Structure formats: structure tokens, C-alpha cells
N, C-alpha and C. Protein backbone atom coordinates (compact mmCIF):
# COMPACT_ATOMS: atom_id res chain seq x y z
N MET A 1 -11.38 -7.26 14.97
CA MET A 1 -10.98 -6.02 16.16
C MET A 1 -10.43 -5.15 15.63
N MET A 2 -9.22 -5.50 15.41
CA MET A 2 -8.37 -4.60 15.09
C MET A 2 -8.54 -3.80 13.73
N ARG A 3 -9.03 -4.68 13.03
CA ARG A 3 -9.33 -4.36 11.37
C ARG A 3 -10.87 -3.26 11.60
N LEU A 4 -11.73 -3.62 12.37
CA LEU A 4 -12.92 -3.17 12.78
C LEU A 4 -12.33 -1.55 13.18
N PHE A 5 -11.59 -1.62 14.07
CA PHE A 5 -10.83 -0.15 14.56
C PHE A 5 -10.28 0.60 13.87
N ARG A 6 -9.43 -0.08 12.99
CA ARG A 6 -8.94 0.84 11.64
C ARG A 6 -9.61 1.26 10.77
N SER A 7 -10.70 0.68 10.65
CA SER A 7 -11.93 1.00 9.51
C SER A 7 -12.44 2.50 10.30
N THR A 8 -12.68 2.21 11.51
CA THR A 8 -13.63 3.51 12.39
C THR A 8 -12.84 4.63 12.17
N ILE A 9 -11.43 4.61 12.48
CA ILE A 9 -10.34 5.61 12.66
C ILE A 9 -10.67 6.23 11.01
N LYS A 10 -10.48 5.44 10.15
CA LYS A 10 -10.48 6.17 8.72
C LYS A 10 -11.77 6.67 8.55
N LEU A 11 -12.99 5.97 8.97
CA LEU A 11 -14.17 6.76 8.44
C LEU A 11 -13.94 8.26 9.04
N LEU A 12 -13.68 8.12 10.41
CA LEU A 12 -13.50 9.32 11.13
C LEU A 12 -13.01 10.31 10.35
N PHE A 13 -11.82 9.89 10.25
CA PHE A 13 -10.47 10.99 9.08
C PHE A 13 -11.19 11.74 8.53
N ILE A 14 -12.17 10.66 7.16
CA ILE A 14 -12.58 10.95 6.05
C ILE A 14 -14.02 12.05 6.45
N LEU A 15 -14.70 11.54 7.26
CA LEU A 15 -15.50 12.62 7.87
C LEU A 15 -15.04 14.00 8.20
N ILE A 16 -13.54 14.16 9.36
CA ILE A 16 -13.32 15.20 9.42
C ILE A 16 -12.94 16.28 8.22
N VAL A 17 -12.16 15.47 6.97
CA VAL A 17 -11.77 16.12 5.81
C VAL A 17 -13.20 16.88 5.00
N PHE A 18 -14.39 16.17 5.32
CA PHE A 18 -15.30 16.46 4.47
C PHE A 18 -15.81 17.63 5.31
N VAL A 19 -15.86 17.53 6.68
CA VAL A 19 -16.33 18.52 7.66
C VAL A 19 -15.54 19.83 6.93
N LEU A 20 -14.43 19.87 6.93
CA LEU A 20 -13.08 21.06 6.53
C LEU A 20 -13.65 21.80 5.70
N THR A 21 -13.61 20.61 4.19
CA THR A 21 -13.54 21.05 3.42
C THR A 21 -15.14 22.06 3.17
N ASN A 22 -16.31 21.40 3.56
CA ASN A 22 -17.57 22.02 3.47
C ASN A 22 -17.57 23.61 4.32
N ASN A 23 -16.42 23.66 5.00
CA ASN A 23 -16.45 24.97 5.96
C ASN A 23 -15.10 25.78 5.64
N CYS A 24 -14.75 25.94 4.27
CA CYS A 24 -13.86 26.59 3.94
C CYS A 24 -13.96 28.21 3.20
N GLY A 25 -15.52 28.38 3.59
CA GLY A 25 -15.95 29.77 2.71
C GLY A 25 -17.02 29.48 1.69
N GLY A 26 -17.58 30.54 1.27
CA GLY A 26 -18.46 30.30 0.23
C GLY A 26 -18.12 31.21 -1.11
N ASP A 27 -16.85 31.89 -1.12
CA ASP A 27 -16.50 32.66 -2.27
C ASP A 27 -15.74 31.43 -3.45
N ILE A 28 -15.85 30.55 -2.97
CA ILE A 28 -15.24 29.50 -4.00
C ILE A 28 -15.89 29.04 -4.74
N GLU A 29 -15.85 28.87 -6.23
CA GLU A 29 -16.80 28.65 -7.29
C GLU A 29 -16.28 27.79 -8.18
N GLY A 30 -17.11 26.71 -9.02
CA GLY A 30 -16.53 26.05 -10.22
C GLY A 30 -16.21 24.60 -9.55
N VAL A 31 -15.71 23.96 -10.77
CA VAL A 31 -15.34 22.37 -10.39
C VAL A 31 -13.86 22.19 -10.69
N TYR A 32 -13.18 21.39 -9.81
CA TYR A 32 -11.88 21.56 -10.08
C TYR A 32 -11.55 19.91 -9.91
N TYR A 33 -10.98 19.67 -10.86
CA TYR A 33 -10.49 18.25 -11.37
C TYR A 33 -9.35 17.60 -11.11
N ILE A 34 -8.96 16.60 -10.75
CA ILE A 34 -7.66 16.03 -10.92
C ILE A 34 -6.91 16.26 -11.81
N SER A 35 -5.34 16.73 -11.61
CA SER A 35 -4.80 17.35 -12.81
C SER A 35 -4.18 16.03 -13.68
N ASP A 36 -4.01 16.11 -14.76
CA ASP A 36 -3.71 15.11 -15.81
C ASP A 36 -2.54 14.46 -15.53
N GLU A 37 -1.54 15.32 -14.77
CA GLU A 37 -0.42 14.40 -14.23
C GLU A 37 -0.65 13.43 -13.46
N ALA A 38 -1.35 14.13 -12.25
CA ALA A 38 -1.71 12.89 -11.12
C ALA A 38 -2.96 11.51 -11.84
N ARG A 39 -3.56 12.19 -12.58
CA ARG A 39 -4.34 11.11 -13.17
C ARG A 39 -3.70 9.89 -13.55
N GLU A 40 -2.32 10.24 -13.92
CA GLU A 40 -1.93 8.78 -14.45
C GLU A 40 -1.72 7.77 -13.62
N TYR A 41 -1.93 7.97 -12.21
CA TYR A 41 -1.95 7.41 -10.90
C TYR A 41 -3.23 6.92 -10.63
N GLN A 42 -4.45 7.20 -11.21
CA GLN A 42 -5.67 6.78 -10.93
C GLN A 42 -5.75 5.37 -11.28
N PHE A 43 -5.20 4.50 -10.53
CA PHE A 43 -5.12 3.11 -10.91
C PHE A 43 -6.29 2.20 -10.97
N ASP A 44 -6.34 1.00 -11.38
CA ASP A 44 -7.39 0.27 -11.78
C ASP A 44 -8.03 -0.30 -10.16
N THR A 45 -9.08 0.08 -10.13
CA THR A 45 -10.17 -0.61 -8.79
C THR A 45 -10.99 -1.45 -9.05
N THR A 46 -10.83 -2.17 -10.40
CA THR A 46 -11.22 -3.42 -10.40
C THR A 46 -10.40 -4.68 -9.93
N ILE A 47 -9.43 -4.45 -9.55
CA ILE A 47 -8.43 -5.09 -8.91
C ILE A 47 -8.40 -5.47 -7.51
N TYR A 48 -9.26 -6.31 -6.98
CA TYR A 48 -9.85 -6.74 -5.47
C TYR A 48 -8.80 -7.27 -4.61
N SER A 49 -7.91 -7.69 -5.07
CA SER A 49 -7.06 -8.37 -4.22
C SER A 49 -5.65 -8.49 -4.99
N ILE A 50 -4.48 -8.21 -4.31
CA ILE A 50 -3.18 -8.14 -4.99
C ILE A 50 -2.10 -9.23 -4.23
N LYS A 51 -1.88 -10.22 -5.00
CA LYS A 51 -0.86 -11.10 -4.59
C LYS A 51 0.47 -10.88 -4.57
N MET A 52 1.12 -11.34 -3.43
CA MET A 52 2.86 -11.19 -3.05
C MET A 52 3.38 -12.12 -2.85
N VAL A 53 4.61 -11.79 -2.95
CA VAL A 53 5.67 -13.24 -1.97
C VAL A 53 7.04 -12.13 -1.56
N ASP A 54 7.51 -12.73 -0.62
CA ASP A 54 8.49 -12.17 -0.01
C ASP A 54 9.50 -13.01 -0.48
N ASN A 55 11.06 -12.49 -0.08
CA ASN A 55 12.00 -13.00 -0.46
C ASN A 55 12.59 -14.41 0.05
N HIS A 56 11.84 -14.72 0.92
CA HIS A 56 11.79 -16.22 1.84
C HIS A 56 10.60 -17.02 1.31
N GLY A 57 9.67 -16.54 0.15
CA GLY A 57 8.90 -17.57 -0.40
C GLY A 57 7.79 -17.49 -0.08
N ILE A 58 7.23 -16.38 1.16
CA ILE A 58 6.25 -16.50 2.13
C ILE A 58 5.02 -15.51 1.26
N ALA A 59 4.00 -16.12 0.92
CA ALA A 59 2.91 -15.41 0.22
C ALA A 59 2.03 -14.58 1.11
N GLU A 60 1.72 -13.47 0.63
CA GLU A 60 0.88 -12.57 1.47
C GLU A 60 0.24 -11.99 0.38
N GLU A 61 -0.97 -11.66 0.95
CA GLU A 61 -2.35 -10.68 -0.26
C GLU A 61 -2.87 -9.94 0.44
N PHE A 62 -3.24 -8.92 -0.33
CA PHE A 62 -3.83 -7.48 -0.02
C PHE A 62 -5.39 -7.76 -0.57
N TYR A 63 -6.22 -7.11 0.42
CA TYR A 63 -7.53 -7.15 -0.18
C TYR A 63 -8.15 -5.51 -0.24
N MET A 64 -8.88 -5.36 -1.34
CA MET A 64 -9.75 -4.15 -1.44
C MET A 64 -10.58 -3.95 0.12
N ASP A 65 -10.09 -2.68 0.79
CA ASP A 65 -11.05 -2.73 2.23
C ASP A 65 -12.30 -1.87 1.64
N GLN A 66 -13.32 -2.40 1.62
CA GLN A 66 -14.84 -1.98 0.93
C GLN A 66 -15.49 -1.53 2.33
N ASN A 67 -14.82 -1.40 3.64
CA ASN A 67 -15.42 -0.42 4.73
C ASN A 67 -15.34 0.76 4.75
N ILE A 68 -14.23 1.08 3.87
CA ILE A 68 -13.66 2.45 3.87
C ILE A 68 -13.93 3.13 2.44
N TRP A 69 -14.04 2.79 1.51
CA TRP A 69 -14.24 3.10 0.20
C TRP A 69 -15.56 2.69 -0.52
N TYR A 70 -15.85 1.83 0.15
CA TYR A 70 -17.33 1.03 -0.29
C TYR A 70 -17.06 0.79 -1.81
N THR A 71 -17.90 0.82 -2.68
CA THR A 71 -17.33 0.78 -4.27
C THR A 71 -17.48 1.99 -4.78
N THR A 72 -17.31 2.83 -4.34
CA THR A 72 -17.18 4.44 -4.89
C THR A 72 -15.83 4.79 -4.43
N HIS A 73 -14.73 4.70 -5.50
CA HIS A 73 -13.81 5.39 -5.58
C HIS A 73 -13.17 6.70 -6.12
N HIS A 74 -14.30 6.92 -6.80
CA HIS A 74 -14.04 8.32 -7.75
C HIS A 74 -15.46 8.96 -7.51
N TYR A 75 -15.37 10.01 -6.82
CA TYR A 75 -16.23 11.11 -6.58
C TYR A 75 -16.08 12.49 -6.50
N PHE A 76 -17.04 13.36 -6.21
CA PHE A 76 -16.96 14.94 -6.20
C PHE A 76 -17.38 15.50 -4.78
N THR A 77 -16.76 16.19 -4.24
CA THR A 77 -17.19 16.64 -2.83
C THR A 77 -17.65 18.05 -2.98
N GLU A 78 -18.77 18.71 -2.44
CA GLU A 78 -18.62 20.12 -2.27
C GLU A 78 -18.10 20.79 -1.28
N TRP A 79 -17.65 22.05 -1.83
CA TRP A 79 -17.02 22.62 -0.83
C TRP A 79 -18.01 24.15 -0.85
N GLY A 80 -17.70 24.82 0.44
CA GLY A 80 -18.15 25.92 0.91
C GLY A 80 -19.30 26.20 1.13
N THR A 81 -19.77 27.04 1.67
CA THR A 81 -21.18 27.21 2.49
C THR A 81 -22.41 27.09 1.68
N ASP A 82 -22.22 27.47 0.09
CA ASP A 82 -22.92 27.59 -0.58
C ASP A 82 -23.06 26.63 -1.97
N GLY A 83 -22.23 25.71 -1.61
CA GLY A 83 -22.35 24.50 -2.31
C GLY A 83 -21.80 24.79 -3.79
N LYS A 84 -21.10 26.02 -4.15
CA LYS A 84 -21.20 26.15 -5.61
C LYS A 84 -19.57 25.93 -6.28
N ALA A 85 -18.99 24.92 -5.55
CA ALA A 85 -17.46 24.39 -6.02
C ALA A 85 -17.49 23.13 -5.27
N CYS A 86 -16.85 22.32 -5.99
CA CYS A 86 -16.81 20.84 -5.81
C CYS A 86 -15.30 20.56 -6.44
N GLY A 87 -14.68 19.19 -5.61
CA GLY A 87 -13.41 18.79 -6.04
C GLY A 87 -13.73 17.44 -6.06
N GLU A 88 -12.90 16.93 -7.14
CA GLU A 88 -12.82 15.55 -7.69
C GLU A 88 -11.70 14.99 -6.50
N THR A 89 -12.29 13.39 -6.03
CA THR A 89 -11.25 12.99 -5.22
C THR A 89 -11.22 11.33 -6.00
N PHE A 90 -10.20 10.87 -5.98
CA PHE A 90 -10.18 9.03 -6.11
C PHE A 90 -9.51 8.45 -5.07
N GLY A 91 -9.97 7.58 -4.56
CA GLY A 91 -9.51 7.00 -3.49
C GLY A 91 -9.56 5.31 -3.29
N VAL A 92 -8.34 4.47 -2.83
CA VAL A 92 -8.77 3.13 -2.59
C VAL A 92 -7.87 3.04 -1.62
N ALA A 93 -8.39 1.91 -0.69
CA ALA A 93 -7.17 1.39 0.59
C ALA A 93 -7.77 -0.56 0.60
N TYR A 94 -6.25 -0.66 0.81
CA TYR A 94 -6.22 -2.01 0.75
C TYR A 94 -5.69 -2.88 2.41
N TYR A 95 -5.72 -3.75 2.80
CA TYR A 95 -5.38 -4.16 3.95
C TYR A 95 -4.82 -6.02 3.81
N SER A 96 -3.90 -6.47 4.46
CA SER A 96 -2.89 -7.29 4.21
C SER A 96 -3.76 -8.81 5.11
N VAL A 97 -3.79 -9.55 4.93
CA VAL A 97 -4.03 -10.95 5.76
C VAL A 97 -2.80 -11.42 6.63
N LEU A 98 -1.76 -11.67 6.16
CA LEU A 98 -0.71 -12.53 6.94
C LEU A 98 -0.01 -11.07 8.04
N ASN A 99 0.32 -10.33 7.44
CA ASN A 99 1.10 -9.11 8.55
C ASN A 99 0.31 -8.42 8.96
N ASP A 100 -1.25 -7.73 8.42
CA ASP A 100 -2.24 -7.21 8.90
C ASP A 100 -1.58 -5.34 8.36
N TYR A 101 -1.09 -5.35 7.21
CA TYR A 101 -0.93 -4.27 6.94
C TYR A 101 -2.02 -3.57 6.51
N SER A 102 -1.91 -1.97 6.28
CA SER A 102 -3.08 -1.29 5.55
C SER A 102 -2.21 -0.40 4.84
N PHE A 103 -2.94 -0.17 3.92
CA PHE A 103 -2.04 0.79 2.50
C PHE A 103 -3.41 1.73 1.81
N MET A 104 -3.52 2.86 2.11
CA MET A 104 -4.36 4.10 1.54
C MET A 104 -3.60 4.75 0.47
N PHE A 105 -4.51 5.13 -0.61
CA PHE A 105 -3.79 5.96 -1.72
C PHE A 105 -4.74 6.65 -1.90
N VAL A 106 -4.81 8.12 -1.86
CA VAL A 106 -5.60 8.96 -2.53
C VAL A 106 -5.11 10.45 -3.47
N LEU A 107 -5.87 10.68 -4.57
CA LEU A 107 -5.69 11.59 -5.24
C LEU A 107 -6.88 12.41 -4.82
N ARG A 108 -6.85 13.91 -4.64
CA ARG A 108 -7.62 15.04 -4.28
C ARG A 108 -7.46 16.16 -5.04
N ALA A 109 -8.26 16.57 -6.10
CA ALA A 109 -8.21 17.72 -6.61
C ALA A 109 -8.62 19.28 -5.76
N GLN A 110 -7.45 20.00 -5.60
CA GLN A 110 -7.60 21.38 -4.71
C GLN A 110 -7.87 22.44 -5.76
N VAL A 111 -8.01 23.44 -5.42
CA VAL A 111 -8.43 24.77 -6.37
C VAL A 111 -7.48 24.94 -7.45
N GLU A 112 -6.18 24.75 -7.22
CA GLU A 112 -5.20 25.53 -8.09
C GLU A 112 -3.99 23.99 -8.22
N TYR A 113 -4.36 22.79 -7.40
CA TYR A 113 -3.38 21.89 -7.71
C TYR A 113 -3.99 20.81 -6.93
N THR A 114 -3.43 19.38 -7.56
CA THR A 114 -3.85 18.28 -6.99
C THR A 114 -2.85 17.35 -5.86
N ASP A 115 -3.21 16.96 -4.74
CA ASP A 115 -2.69 16.52 -3.69
C ASP A 115 -2.77 14.95 -3.63
N MET A 116 -1.65 14.13 -3.56
CA MET A 116 -1.61 12.88 -3.58
C MET A 116 -1.13 12.59 -1.90
N GLU A 117 -2.05 11.38 -1.52
CA GLU A 117 -2.13 11.26 -0.26
C GLU A 117 -1.71 9.50 -0.19
N ILE A 118 -0.41 9.06 0.52
CA ILE A 118 -0.12 7.70 0.72
C ILE A 118 -0.28 7.51 2.48
N GLU A 119 -0.93 6.45 2.78
CA GLU A 119 -0.95 6.47 4.09
C GLU A 119 -0.62 4.66 4.40
N TRP A 120 0.03 4.31 5.30
CA TRP A 120 0.65 3.04 5.82
C TRP A 120 0.01 3.02 7.41
N ASN A 121 -0.74 1.69 7.52
CA ASN A 121 -0.96 1.46 8.89
C ASN A 121 -1.44 2.30 9.64
N GLN A 122 -2.17 3.48 9.59
CA GLN A 122 -2.40 4.48 9.99
C GLN A 122 -1.83 5.56 11.07
N ARG A 123 -0.05 4.96 10.58
CA ARG A 123 0.93 5.66 11.14
C ARG A 123 1.81 6.61 10.56
N ASP A 124 1.91 6.36 9.44
CA ASP A 124 3.00 7.24 8.46
C ASP A 124 1.97 7.91 7.33
N ARG A 125 1.70 9.13 7.28
CA ARG A 125 0.94 9.17 6.00
C ARG A 125 1.52 10.89 5.34
N LEU A 126 1.80 10.82 4.28
CA LEU A 126 2.30 11.68 3.16
C LEU A 126 1.33 12.46 2.64
N VAL A 127 1.48 13.79 1.97
CA VAL A 127 0.60 14.38 1.46
C VAL A 127 1.64 15.10 0.38
N TYR A 128 1.92 15.03 -1.03
CA TYR A 128 2.30 15.47 -1.79
C TYR A 128 1.75 16.41 -2.93
N ASN A 129 2.18 17.47 -3.05
CA ASN A 129 1.46 18.35 -3.98
C ASN A 129 2.16 18.23 -5.21
N PHE A 130 1.30 18.05 -6.45
CA PHE A 130 2.14 17.78 -7.69
C PHE A 130 2.38 19.08 -8.27
N LYS A 131 1.34 20.26 -7.62
CA LYS A 131 2.11 21.61 -8.45
C LYS A 131 3.48 22.11 -8.13
N THR A 132 3.81 21.96 -6.64
CA THR A 132 5.17 22.23 -5.93
C THR A 132 5.88 21.51 -6.08
N LYS A 133 5.70 20.18 -6.23
CA LYS A 133 6.40 18.87 -6.30
C LYS A 133 7.16 18.60 -4.90
N LYS A 134 6.52 19.17 -3.95
CA LYS A 134 6.97 19.03 -2.56
C LYS A 134 5.91 18.41 -1.37
N VAL A 135 6.64 17.69 -0.40
CA VAL A 135 5.75 17.16 0.43
C VAL A 135 4.95 17.85 1.53
N THR A 136 3.83 18.08 1.70
CA THR A 136 3.25 18.95 2.34
C THR A 136 3.16 18.73 3.75
N THR A 137 3.00 17.36 4.27
CA THR A 137 2.41 16.62 5.46
C THR A 137 3.00 15.25 5.63
N GLY A 138 3.16 15.19 6.79
CA GLY A 138 4.19 13.84 7.12
C GLY A 138 5.94 14.06 6.78
N VAL A 139 6.23 13.12 7.42
CA VAL A 139 8.12 12.73 7.06
C VAL A 139 7.92 12.54 5.66
N GLU A 140 8.98 13.42 5.20
CA GLU A 140 9.07 13.91 3.63
C GLU A 140 10.08 12.56 3.30
N PRO A 141 9.61 11.48 2.06
CA PRO A 141 10.55 10.46 1.51
C PRO A 141 11.10 11.29 0.44
N LYS A 142 12.15 10.46 -0.16
CA LYS A 142 12.47 10.90 -1.72
C LYS A 142 11.49 10.41 -2.29
N ILE A 143 10.78 10.79 -3.55
CA ILE A 143 9.76 10.32 -4.35
C ILE A 143 10.37 10.76 -5.55
N LEU A 144 10.10 9.48 -6.36
CA LEU A 144 10.51 9.43 -7.75
C LEU A 144 9.58 9.03 -8.80
N PHE A 145 9.43 9.69 -9.90
CA PHE A 145 8.20 9.00 -10.67
C PHE A 145 9.06 8.90 -12.12
N TYR A 146 8.92 7.42 -12.64
CA TYR A 146 9.42 7.10 -13.71
C TYR A 146 8.39 6.21 -14.74
N ASP A 147 8.73 5.65 -15.86
CA ASP A 147 8.12 5.26 -16.49
C ASP A 147 7.62 3.60 -16.41
N SER A 148 8.74 2.89 -16.12
CA SER A 148 8.37 1.45 -15.70
C SER A 148 9.11 0.93 -14.70
N LEU A 149 8.77 -0.43 -14.47
CA LEU A 149 9.49 -1.03 -13.48
C LEU A 149 9.17 -2.56 -13.64
N SER A 150 10.18 -3.39 -13.76
CA SER A 150 9.85 -4.94 -14.21
C SER A 150 10.14 -5.44 -12.16
N VAL A 151 8.77 -6.45 -12.22
CA VAL A 151 9.01 -7.10 -10.79
C VAL A 151 8.41 -8.56 -11.16
N ARG A 152 9.27 -9.27 -10.92
CA ARG A 152 9.12 -10.96 -11.21
C ARG A 152 8.90 -11.31 -12.52
N ASP A 153 9.55 -10.47 -13.56
CA ASP A 153 9.61 -10.67 -14.99
C ASP A 153 7.94 -10.09 -15.63
N ILE A 154 7.52 -9.26 -14.58
CA ILE A 154 6.28 -8.19 -15.36
C ILE A 154 6.66 -7.12 -15.30
N THR A 155 6.34 -6.17 -16.48
CA THR A 155 6.50 -5.12 -16.65
C THR A 155 5.36 -3.84 -16.04
N TYR A 156 5.32 -2.92 -15.08
CA TYR A 156 4.68 -2.19 -14.95
C TYR A 156 4.78 -0.52 -15.30
N GLY A 157 3.64 -0.04 -15.62
CA GLY A 157 3.77 1.70 -15.77
C GLY A 157 3.62 2.35 -15.05
N SER A 158 4.03 3.68 -15.33
CA SER A 158 3.76 5.02 -14.53
C SER A 158 3.99 4.48 -12.86
N ILE A 159 5.52 4.75 -12.60
CA ILE A 159 5.81 4.23 -11.54
C ILE A 159 6.19 5.14 -10.51
N ILE A 160 5.60 5.31 -9.20
CA ILE A 160 6.00 6.02 -8.11
C ILE A 160 7.14 5.30 -7.13
N GLU A 161 7.76 5.88 -6.85
CA GLU A 161 8.80 5.24 -5.68
C GLU A 161 8.94 6.13 -4.49
N ILE A 162 8.72 5.70 -3.35
CA ILE A 162 8.29 6.40 -2.11
C ILE A 162 9.70 5.58 -1.27
N ASP A 163 10.81 6.78 -0.93
CA ASP A 163 11.86 6.01 -0.42
C ASP A 163 12.15 6.87 1.02
N TYR A 164 12.18 5.94 2.03
CA TYR A 164 12.35 6.69 3.50
C TYR A 164 13.65 6.06 3.80
N SER A 165 14.68 5.61 2.86
CA SER A 165 15.89 5.04 3.43
C SER A 165 16.57 6.39 4.44
N TYR A 166 16.62 7.52 3.93
CA TYR A 166 17.32 8.38 4.82
C TYR A 166 16.67 8.90 5.88
N LYS A 167 15.23 8.42 6.05
CA LYS A 167 14.22 9.12 7.39
C LYS A 167 13.95 7.63 8.15
N ILE A 168 14.67 6.61 7.74
CA ILE A 168 14.17 5.52 8.64
C ILE A 168 13.90 5.65 10.21
N ARG A 169 14.65 6.58 10.53
CA ARG A 169 14.45 6.54 12.36
C ARG A 169 13.19 7.79 12.48
N ASP A 170 12.51 8.33 11.53
CA ASP A 170 11.64 9.24 11.90
C ASP A 170 10.25 8.32 11.18
N ILE A 171 10.13 7.04 10.84
CA ILE A 171 8.83 6.44 10.57
C ILE A 171 8.87 5.28 11.39
N ASP A 172 7.35 4.63 11.39
CA ASP A 172 6.96 3.72 12.28
C ASP A 172 7.70 2.47 11.92
N ILE A 173 8.05 1.40 12.71
CA ILE A 173 9.00 0.68 12.40
C ILE A 173 7.95 -0.59 11.25
N ASN A 174 6.94 -0.42 11.00
CA ASN A 174 6.04 -1.22 10.09
C ASN A 174 5.99 -0.69 8.94
N THR A 175 6.36 0.42 8.49
CA THR A 175 6.43 1.31 7.36
C THR A 175 7.22 0.83 6.30
N PRO A 176 6.89 0.80 5.54
CA PRO A 176 8.20 -0.19 4.42
C PRO A 176 9.23 1.24 4.07
N VAL A 177 10.09 0.99 4.04
CA VAL A 177 11.27 1.84 4.12
C VAL A 177 11.40 2.11 2.41
N LYS A 178 10.80 1.42 1.28
CA LYS A 178 10.50 1.84 0.05
C LYS A 178 9.45 1.15 -0.48
N ALA A 179 8.55 1.93 -1.17
CA ALA A 179 7.36 1.08 -1.77
C ALA A 179 7.36 1.80 -3.58
N TYR A 180 6.80 0.77 -3.94
CA TYR A 180 6.84 1.20 -5.72
C TYR A 180 5.20 1.07 -5.78
N ILE A 181 4.83 2.19 -6.34
CA ILE A 181 3.22 1.82 -6.86
C ILE A 181 3.41 2.12 -8.45
N SER A 182 2.46 1.25 -9.08
CA SER A 182 2.26 1.45 -10.42
C SER A 182 1.18 2.09 -10.51
N GLY A 183 1.25 3.24 -11.73
CA GLY A 183 -0.38 3.95 -12.01
C GLY A 183 -1.22 3.20 -12.63
N GLU A 184 -0.77 1.99 -12.96
CA GLU A 184 -1.96 0.97 -13.78
C GLU A 184 -2.45 0.12 -12.84
N LYS A 185 -1.44 -0.52 -12.02
CA LYS A 185 -1.70 -1.57 -11.17
C LYS A 185 -2.34 -1.51 -9.72
N GLY A 186 -1.60 -0.24 -9.11
CA GLY A 186 -1.59 -0.11 -7.73
C GLY A 186 0.02 -0.87 -7.02
N LEU A 187 0.06 -1.11 -5.75
CA LEU A 187 1.28 -1.56 -5.19
C LEU A 187 1.66 -2.76 -6.04
N ILE A 188 2.95 -2.53 -6.25
CA ILE A 188 3.58 -3.73 -6.65
C ILE A 188 4.75 -4.53 -5.89
N LYS A 189 5.58 -3.59 -5.29
CA LYS A 189 6.47 -3.85 -4.04
C LYS A 189 6.79 -2.95 -3.40
N PHE A 190 7.49 -3.36 -2.04
CA PHE A 190 7.95 -2.77 -0.86
C PHE A 190 8.77 -3.43 0.05
N ILE A 191 9.63 -2.95 0.62
CA ILE A 191 10.56 -3.34 1.27
C ILE A 191 10.85 -2.84 2.76
N ARG A 192 10.72 -3.83 3.67
CA ARG A 192 10.68 -3.56 5.21
C ARG A 192 12.17 -3.08 5.79
N ARG A 193 12.14 -2.66 6.95
CA ARG A 193 13.34 -1.99 7.58
C ARG A 193 14.29 -3.25 7.85
N ASP A 194 13.82 -4.72 7.65
CA ASP A 194 14.27 -6.10 7.85
C ASP A 194 14.97 -6.77 6.67
N ASN A 195 14.98 -5.99 5.52
CA ASN A 195 15.24 -6.22 4.38
C ASN A 195 14.47 -7.55 3.49
N ILE A 196 13.26 -7.65 4.28
CA ILE A 196 12.08 -8.63 3.55
C ILE A 196 11.70 -7.59 2.53
N ILE A 197 11.55 -8.45 1.47
CA ILE A 197 11.30 -7.58 0.04
C ILE A 197 9.87 -8.38 -0.45
N PHE A 198 9.01 -7.74 -0.57
CA PHE A 198 7.37 -7.99 -1.15
C PHE A 198 7.47 -7.70 -2.60
N GLU A 199 7.11 -8.75 -3.11
CA GLU A 199 6.96 -8.43 -4.47
C GLU A 199 5.78 -9.07 -5.26
N ARG A 200 4.97 -8.37 -6.34
CA ARG A 200 3.91 -8.77 -6.56
C ARG A 200 3.96 -9.69 -7.67
N THR A 201 2.65 -10.53 -7.73
CA THR A 201 3.14 -12.32 -8.27
C THR A 201 2.28 -12.18 -9.90
N GLU A 202 1.65 -10.93 -9.89
CA GLU A 202 0.61 -10.94 -11.14
C GLU A 202 -0.05 -9.62 -11.79
């Protein structure tokens, strides 16, 4: 029941975004693509499940949420009342089995820049602007980008680190204090405020 409620809320959010982008005026023309910098984080959507284990040996698994993105993770949305502009979007959502987490990741092309959206559990959503290198929506974490990170002896590339360590009082109790996302494989590691660490196993 809770998962159905979450799915309904997400669908409503997507519908609202669609309506807003389709009513932003008729003077915008052209096709706007996800920037080359952001495209590096358009990870593999053929991965339907992510197996993880915590530092106490308890297994957790995330599954792709087909109720939200269905089978279309990459698409274009028309803008303006005359439909002469459209923007590219990449999106994926996962939910976990044991702890009932949900995780959503979106790249969305705007007219002059690309946004990255990351959301946990319908509670904490951030929007990062690749052009200004700043968070424009949500509690602002420390965001780092680097080439690679090894997790359980597997090296992953194109890493995004989201660090709320200094904003821990401003985020939901179930939002990870730190999360690591690979541009190749998606979510690879996260740390909860109780110091339980989940790491990807494959």
C-alpha cells in the first residue's frame, strides 16, 4: 500500500512538472540536450536490481520502479504553447525491499543548462545546476565529482558523492548522510546517520 502511495505521489509530481514546462511561454524554440558533462552520469538502465550488503552482513536489494518510469528512461518533453521547443530528460527510480527506501535520479535539459535531481524517500530532493555548480532546490549538501571509487574490491567510474554530514539536522532521519552514485552503474554505496553502511556487491 505504501509503495502504491509513493508511486501515485511521484506520478503527480511528474505530471505537475509536465504541465509547468508546457506553459512556460511560446517564444522558446529548438531542441535542448543534456550537457556533455551531465551525460557522463546517464547510467545503465538495463540494471533492474542492485544488490547491497551492510556492515553487519545484512543484505538489501533495490529494484527499478517500473510504476514511475515504466520502460522509458530517456525522452523529450515539449515546451511552450506552440510546441516549438523540447528538452531531453533521463530518469530512473529504485525502491528497496528490506528498508523500504526509494531513490530517484533525473537529468533534465533546460534552455541553457542541465539540472540533476536526486531524491530519497519522497522526503529530501535536491536539484543541482551543472552550469552554475550550485544546488538550486532542497537542502544543500557538499557535492563532489571524481573519476573512480572502489567498493568491495570493485572499481566504479564517474562518481558523484552527496554529503549531508554538515546538514544532518536539516534532512529526514531516513535520508543517507552520504551517498555515492556511479555514472556507469548507479547507486553503489550509502551511509545512514546510525553509521550503518550499505555497499554494492556486484
